[in-house]
């Protein structure tokens, strides 16, 4: 299954990136990264469901969410820098590792 398969099914949060909204599950994103775990537990108020994530484009956030649900991400020569920068910022170590592997090849 992928992110799109889960879209809007029992989602408990919305991630906003540059005006684009992504429905997601806190539990999935907490497992994905310490950034999201802190965002949902330390940096938010109780009952909050909309979270704005700065510094990431909608396309890259979509790829990161896809990875969170499927452990798959498409890394190319044209997107590797943006994916690596966003994954590093959001502390998604699995994507950072994959970007490093891609760059080593």
Protein backbone atom coordinates (compact mmCIF):
# COMPACT_ATOMS: atom_id res chain seq x y z
CA UNK A 1 0.00 0.00 0.00
CA UNK A 2 1.09 3.55 -0.47
CA UNK A 3 0.31 6.96 0.94
CA UNK A 4 -2.44 7.55 -1.59
CA UNK A 5 -4.17 4.31 -0.58
CA UNK A 6 -4.47 5.61 2.97
CA UNK A 7 -5.41 9.15 2.03
CA UNK A 8 -8.25 10.39 4.23
CA UNK A 9 -8.89 6.97 5.83
CA UNK A 10 -8.88 7.43 9.61
CA UNK A 11 -6.38 10.27 9.26
CA UNK A 12 -5.90 12.32 12.38
CA UNK A 13 -3.69 15.15 11.09
CA UNK A 14 -3.19 17.42 8.13
CA UNK A 15 0.29 18.51 7.09
CA UNK A 16 0.32 21.86 5.30
CA UNK A 17 3.19 22.68 2.95
CA UNK A 18 3.06 25.89 0.93
CA UNK A 19 -0.75 25.83 0.99
CA UNK A 20 -1.01 22.17 -0.01
CA UNK A 21 -2.68 19.83 2.48
CA UNK A 22 -1.72 16.21 3.09
CA UNK A 23 -3.89 13.99 5.27
CA UNK A 24 -1.84 11.57 7.34
CA UNK A 25 -1.64 9.51 10.52
CA UNK A 26 0.33 10.71 13.54
CA UNK A 27 1.44 7.20 14.38
CA UNK A 28 2.98 6.66 10.93
CA UNK A 29 4.84 9.97 10.99
CA UNK A 30 6.02 9.49 14.59
CA UNK A 31 7.64 6.22 13.52
CA UNK A 32 9.13 7.94 10.48
CA UNK A 33 11.05 10.68 12.24
CA UNK A 34 11.94 12.31 15.56
CA UNK A 35 10.98 15.65 13.97
CA UNK A 36 7.35 14.59 13.63
CA UNK A 37 7.33 12.93 17.04
CA UNK A 38 8.47 16.23 18.60
CA UNK A 39 6.06 18.22 16.44
CA UNK A 40 3.07 16.22 17.66
CA UNK A 41 4.11 15.80 21.30
CA UNK A 42 6.14 18.85 22.28
CA UNK A 43 5.54 21.64 19.80
CA UNK A 44 1.77 21.53 19.48
CA UNK A 45 -1.31 22.16 21.54
CA UNK A 46 -3.74 19.46 22.51
CA UNK A 47 -6.42 18.92 19.91
CA UNK A 48 -4.33 20.42 17.12
CA UNK A 49 -4.75 18.65 13.80
CA UNK A 50 -3.23 21.08 11.26
CA UNK A 51 0.57 21.33 11.18
CA UNK A 52 2.54 23.61 8.88
CA UNK A 53 5.92 22.32 7.80
CA UNK A 54 8.22 25.04 6.44
CA UNK A 55 11.20 24.59 4.16
CA UNK A 56 9.83 21.68 2.13
CA UNK A 57 8.06 21.76 -1.23
CA UNK A 58 4.76 19.94 -1.72
CA UNK A 59 6.33 17.47 -4.19
CA UNK A 60 9.09 16.55 -1.77
CA UNK A 61 6.65 16.24 1.15
CA UNK A 62 4.51 13.92 -0.96
CA UNK A 63 7.58 11.76 -1.59
CA UNK A 64 8.48 11.73 2.10
CA UNK A 65 4.94 10.75 3.08
CA UNK A 66 4.95 8.05 0.41
CA UNK A 67 8.14 6.71 1.96
CA UNK A 68 6.55 6.76 5.42
CA UNK A 69 3.75 4.50 4.23
CA UNK A 70 5.59 2.27 1.76
CA UNK A 71 9.33 2.55 2.48
CA UNK A 72 9.74 3.48 -1.19
CA UNK A 73 11.00 6.73 -2.64
CA UNK A 74 12.10 7.70 -6.13
CA UNK A 75 15.46 9.43 -6.02
CA UNK A 76 16.84 10.88 -9.24
CA UNK A 77 19.71 13.12 -10.27
CA UNK A 78 17.30 16.03 -10.48
CA UNK A 79 15.68 15.59 -7.07
CA UNK A 80 18.41 14.06 -4.88
CA UNK A 81 19.58 17.38 -3.40
CA UNK A 82 16.07 18.55 -2.52
CA UNK A 83 15.11 15.13 -1.13
CA UNK A 84 18.30 14.93 0.92
CA UNK A 85 17.90 18.47 2.27
CA UNK A 86 14.28 17.86 3.29
CA UNK A 87 14.97 14.42 4.76
CA UNK A 88 17.86 15.80 6.78
CA UNK A 89 15.73 18.72 8.01
CA UNK A 90 12.84 16.39 8.91
CA UNK A 91 15.21 13.78 10.39
CA UNK A 92 14.06 10.95 8.14
CA UNK A 93 17.19 8.85 8.46
CA UNK A 94 16.02 6.14 6.06
CA UNK A 95 15.74 8.63 3.21
CA UNK A 96 19.03 10.31 4.13
CA UNK A 97 20.69 6.91 3.94
CA UNK A 98 19.13 6.14 0.56
CA UNK A 99 20.23 9.52 -0.80
CA UNK A 100 23.79 8.84 0.35
CA UNK A 101 23.69 5.44 -1.35
CA UNK A 102 22.40 7.06 -4.53
CA UNK A 103 25.16 9.70 -4.47
CA UNK A 104 27.85 7.09 -3.87
CA UNK A 105 26.81 5.26 -7.05
